């Protein structure tokens, strides 16, 4: 009868073929064949869907890895730029400090000369008196 369960497709077809070739068994055979084809088609669809999902997951994983690498490159460039700016700042600071030090020495030298000039003037003034 049409309600017979399909446990194993080929076993079921064999059972039907073993029966008399009445019109009923012939329609059961057609039903079983169609049922098995539907089952195979569904398995093929499921397999294609599964493969498609795997491909999409692999593509997503590769995209994430690429984004990670790009981010690492960006981070590294920013780190280098930060170091470069800090080094530039440090050099500028040293240059300013050196400039200030020389300016201070120059002033001290000017003051020393001015002091010597005054002392010399006073000494001459003293000698004139």
Protein backbone atom coordinates (compact mmCIF):
# COMPACT_ATOMS: atom_id res chain seq x y z
CA UNK A 1 0.00 0.00 0.00
CA UNK A 2 1.02 3.63 -0.43
CA UNK A 3 1.49 4.07 3.30
CA UNK A 4 4.43 1.61 3.44
CA UNK A 5 7.45 3.20 5.14
CA UNK A 6 10.65 3.74 3.18
CA UNK A 7 13.34 2.29 5.41
CA UNK A 8 15.85 1.52 2.73
CA UNK A 9 14.88 2.75 -0.71
CA UNK A 10 16.35 -0.16 -2.62
CA UNK A 11 14.92 -2.69 -0.15
CA UNK A 12 11.49 -1.12 -0.51
CA UNK A 13 11.64 -1.19 -4.30
CA UNK A 14 12.77 -4.84 -4.15
CA UNK A 15 9.78 -5.67 -1.94
CA UNK A 16 7.45 -3.98 -4.39
CA UNK A 17 9.01 -5.73 -7.36
CA UNK A 18 8.65 -9.08 -5.56
CA UNK A 19 4.89 -8.49 -5.36
CA UNK A 20 2.51 -9.04 -8.20
CA UNK A 21 2.82 -6.35 -10.83
CA UNK A 22 -0.61 -5.05 -10.03
CA UNK A 23 -1.40 -1.43 -10.77
CA UNK A 24 -1.11 -0.66 -7.05
CA UNK A 25 2.46 -1.95 -6.75
CA UNK A 26 3.42 -0.10 -9.91
CA UNK A 27 2.13 3.19 -8.45
CA UNK A 28 3.92 2.38 -5.18
CA UNK A 29 7.09 1.84 -7.19
CA UNK A 30 6.64 5.23 -8.83
CA UNK A 31 5.94 6.80 -5.43
CA UNK A 32 9.02 5.15 -3.90
CA UNK A 33 11.19 6.26 -6.80
CA UNK A 34 9.86 9.82 -6.56
CA UNK A 35 10.32 9.76 -2.80
CA UNK A 36 13.94 8.58 -3.13
CA UNK A 37 14.65 11.20 -5.80
CA UNK A 38 13.14 13.87 -3.58
CA UNK A 39 15.30 12.64 -0.70
CA UNK A 40 18.47 12.69 -2.85
CA UNK A 41 17.57 16.15 -4.20
CA UNK A 42 17.06 17.41 -0.65
CA UNK A 43 20.40 15.92 0.44
CA UNK A 44 22.09 17.60 -2.56
CA UNK A 45 20.46 20.92 -1.63
CA UNK A 46 21.50 20.50 2.02
CA UNK A 47 25.06 19.62 0.94
CA UNK A 48 25.27 22.68 -1.37
CA UNK A 49 23.87 24.90 1.39
CA UNK A 50 26.41 23.50 3.85
CA UNK A 51 29.29 24.04 1.39
CA UNK A 52 28.06 27.58 0.63
CA UNK A 53 27.88 28.33 4.36
CA UNK A 54 31.42 26.97 4.84
CA UNK A 55 32.70 29.14 1.95
CA UNK A 56 30.99 32.21 3.41
CA UNK A 57 32.43 31.48 6.87
CA UNK A 58 35.91 31.04 5.34
CA UNK A 59 35.55 34.33 3.43
CA UNK A 60 34.40 36.08 6.62
CA UNK A 61 37.35 34.61 8.53
CA UNK A 62 39.78 35.79 5.82
CA UNK A 63 38.19 39.27 5.84
CA UNK A 64 38.59 39.48 9.62
CA UNK A 65 42.24 38.35 9.39
CA UNK A 66 42.89 40.95 6.67
CA UNK A 67 41.27 43.67 8.80
CA UNK A 68 43.38 42.55 11.75
CA UNK A 69 46.57 42.77 9.66
CA UNK A 70 45.58 46.20 8.34
CA UNK A 71 44.87 47.37 11.89
CA UNK A 72 48.26 46.07 13.05
CA UNK A 73 49.93 47.98 10.22
CA UNK A 74 48.02 51.15 11.14
CA UNK A 75 48.88 50.69 14.84
CA UNK A 76 52.55 50.16 13.98
CA UNK A 77 52.61 53.26 11.77
CA UNK A 78 50.96 55.31 14.51
CA UNK A 79 53.44 53.97 17.07
CA UNK A 80 56.37 54.90 14.82
CA UNK A 81 54.91 58.34 14.13
CA UNK A 82 54.44 58.86 17.88
CA UNK A 83 58.06 57.84 18.53
CA UNK A 84 59.27 60.12 15.73
CA UNK A 85 57.32 63.06 17.16
CA UNK A 86 58.60 62.36 20.67
CA UNK A 87 62.17 62.19 19.35
CA UNK A 88 61.66 65.42 17.41
CA UNK A 89 60.27 67.06 20.54
CA UNK A 90 63.18 65.79 22.63
CA UNK A 91 65.71 67.16 20.11
CA UNK A 92 63.92 70.51 19.94
CA UNK A 93 63.93 70.63 23.74
CA UNK A 94 67.67 69.88 23.83
CA UNK A 95 68.33 72.51 21.16
CA UNK A 96 66.39 75.13 23.18
CA UNK A 97 68.18 74.20 26.38
CA UNK A 98 71.54 74.46 24.60
CA UNK A 99 70.54 77.84 23.17
CA UNK A 100 69.50 79.06 26.62
CA UNK A 101 72.74 77.76 28.13
CA UNK A 102 74.83 79.62 25.52
CA UNK A 103 72.76 82.77 25.96
CA UNK A 104 73.31 82.52 29.71
CA UNK A 105 77.06 82.08 29.23
CA UNK A 106 77.14 85.05 26.84
CA UNK A 107 75.32 87.24 29.40
CA UNK A 108 77.59 86.12 32.18
CA UNK A 109 80.59 86.90 29.99
CA UNK A 110 79.16 90.36 29.20
CA UNK A 111 78.55 91.01 32.88
CA UNK A 112 82.06 89.86 33.75
CA UNK A 113 83.56 92.19 31.11
CA UNK A 114 81.34 95.04 32.26
CA UNK A 115 82.47 94.39 35.81
CA UNK A 116 86.12 94.32 34.76
CA UNK A 117 85.65 97.56 32.78
CA UNK A 118 84.12 99.26 35.82
CA UNK A 119 86.86 98.01 38.07
CA UNK A 120 89.45 99.24 35.59
CA UNK A 121 87.70 102.62 35.42
CA UNK A 122 87.63 102.87 39.19
CA UNK A 123 91.28 101.93 39.40
CA UNK A 124 92.17 104.66 36.87
CA UNK A 125 89.99 107.12 38.75
CA UNK A 126 91.84 106.18 41.89
CA UNK A 127 95.21 106.65 40.21
CA UNK A 128 94.24 110.12 38.96
CA UNK A 129 93.40 111.23 42.44
